[in-house]
Amino acid sequence: MKSQLRELRAQKQWSQTDLAERLSVSRQTINAIETEKYDPSLPLAFKIARLFKRPIEEIFKAEA
């Protein structure tokens, strides 16, 4: 799944650790999502969308 997470995080000038703390997950989880090695759970995806005030569909896109 493609993710805009890295770009959104960079706009806020947050490190992976900063974002992980805000979402109560590990830095490794953030890294795995950004490198497309892990698809977040639905509750985590909603939490990310709320944090960035964006629709989930804008942050995560299924690959064709």
C-alpha atoms as a PDB file:
ATOM      1  CA  MET A   1       0.000   0.000   0.000  1.00  0.00           C
ATOM      2  CA  LYS A   2       1.342   3.393  -1.000  1.00  0.00           C
ATOM      3  CA  SER A   3       1.525   5.942   1.786  1.00  0.00           C
ATOM      4  CA  GLN A   4       1.977   9.704   1.988  1.00  0.00           C
ATOM      5  CA  LEU A   5       3.128   9.344   5.585  1.00  0.00           C
ATOM      6  CA  ARG A   6       6.777  10.286   4.978  1.00  0.00           C
ATOM      7  CA  GLU A   7       5.767  13.468   3.122  1.00  0.00           C
ATOM      8  CA  LEU A   8       3.206  14.476   5.744  1.00  0.00           C
ATOM      9  CA  ARG A   9       5.698  13.843   8.539  1.00  0.00           C
ATOM     10  CA  ALA A  10       8.349  15.909   6.732  1.00  0.00           C
ATOM     11  CA  GLN A  11       5.925  18.829   6.347  1.00  0.00           C
ATOM     12  CA  LYS A  12       5.570  18.896  10.130  1.00  0.00           C
ATOM     13  CA  GLN A  13       9.348  18.489  10.545  1.00  0.00           C
ATOM     14  CA  TRP A  14       8.784  15.452  12.768  1.00  0.00           C
ATOM     15  CA  SER A  15      11.228  12.598  13.050  1.00  0.00           C
ATOM     16  CA  GLN A  16       9.969   9.032  12.871  1.00  0.00           C
ATOM     17  CA  THR A  17      10.380   8.926  16.655  1.00  0.00           C
ATOM     18  CA  ASP A  18       8.280  12.099  17.080  1.00  0.00           C
ATOM     19  CA  LEU A  19       5.462  10.620  15.006  1.00  0.00           C
ATOM     20  CA  ALA A  20       5.699   7.248  16.733  1.00  0.00           C
ATOM     21  CA  GLU A  21       5.310   8.907  20.135  1.00  0.00           C
ATOM     22  CA  ARG A  22       2.250  10.844  18.958  1.00  0.00           C
ATOM     23  CA  LEU A  23       0.667   7.614  17.703  1.00  0.00           C
ATOM     24  CA  SER A  24       1.819   5.396  20.601  1.00  0.00           C
ATOM     25  CA  VAL A  25       3.665   2.997  18.298  1.00  0.00           C
ATOM     26  CA  SER A  26       7.327   2.149  17.784  1.00  0.00           C
ATOM     27  CA  ARG A  27       9.633   4.043  15.456  1.00  0.00           C
ATOM     28  CA  GLN A  28      10.086   0.736  13.611  1.00  0.00           C
ATOM     29  CA  THR A  29       6.341   0.683  12.869  1.00  0.00           C
ATOM     30  CA  ILE A  30       6.548   4.139  11.292  1.00  0.00           C
ATOM     31  CA  ASN A  31       9.578   3.081   9.260  1.00  0.00           C
ATOM     32  CA  ALA A  32       7.828  -0.095   8.075  1.00  0.00           C
ATOM     33  CA  ILE A  33       4.739   1.857   6.958  1.00  0.00           C
ATOM     34  CA  GLU A  34       6.871   4.437   5.134  1.00  0.00           C
ATOM     35  CA  THR A  35       8.905   1.744   3.341  1.00  0.00           C
ATOM     36  CA  GLU A  36       5.736  -0.184   2.423  1.00  0.00           C
ATOM     37  CA  LYS A  37       6.755  -3.250   4.444  1.00  0.00           C
ATOM     38  CA  TYR A  38       3.722  -3.001   6.732  1.00  0.00           C
ATOM     39  CA  ASP A  39       0.116  -1.941   6.221  1.00  0.00           C
ATOM     40  CA  PRO A  40      -1.276  -0.262   9.342  1.00  0.00           C
ATOM     41  CA  SER A  41      -4.298  -1.674  11.122  1.00  0.00           C
ATOM     42  CA  LEU A  42      -7.541   0.156  10.513  1.00  0.00           C
ATOM     43  CA  PRO A  43      -7.515   1.762  13.995  1.00  0.00           C
ATOM     44  CA  LEU A  44      -3.953   2.998  13.415  1.00  0.00           C
ATOM     45  CA  ALA A  45      -4.853   4.303   9.947  1.00  0.00           C
ATOM     46  CA  PHE A  46      -7.751   6.279  11.475  1.00  0.00           C
ATOM     47  CA  LYS A  47      -5.436   7.621  14.187  1.00  0.00           C
ATOM     48  CA  ILE A  48      -2.942   8.774  11.535  1.00  0.00           C
ATOM     49  CA  ALA A  49      -5.719  10.408   9.497  1.00  0.00           C
ATOM     50  CA  ARG A  50      -7.013  12.272  12.576  1.00  0.00           C
ATOM     51  CA  LEU A  51      -3.499  13.426  13.523  1.00  0.00           C
ATOM     52  CA  PHE A  52      -2.882  14.910  10.071  1.00  0.00           C
ATOM     53  CA  LYS A  53      -6.520  16.048   9.630  1.00  0.00           C
ATOM     54  CA  ARG A  54      -6.778  14.246   6.285  1.00  0.00           C
ATOM     55  CA  PRO A  55      -9.044  11.515   4.917  1.00  0.00           C
ATOM     56  CA  ILE A  56      -7.529   8.023   5.083  1.00  0.00           C
ATOM     57  CA  GLU A  57      -7.839   7.749   1.284  1.00  0.00           C
ATOM     58  CA  GLU A  58      -5.568  10.772   0.898  1.00  0.00           C
ATOM     59  CA  ILE A  59      -2.844   9.224   3.055  1.00  0.00           C
ATOM     60  CA  PHE A  60      -3.052   5.581   1.947  1.00  0.00           C
ATOM     61  CA  LYS A  61      -3.611   4.359  -1.601  1.00  0.00           C
ATOM     62  CA  ALA A  62      -3.949   0.735  -2.677  1.00  0.00           C
ATOM     63  CA  GLU A  63      -1.473  -0.280  -5.335  1.00  0.00           C
ATOM     64  CA  ALA A  64      -2.985  -1.460  -8.599  1.00  0.00           C
END
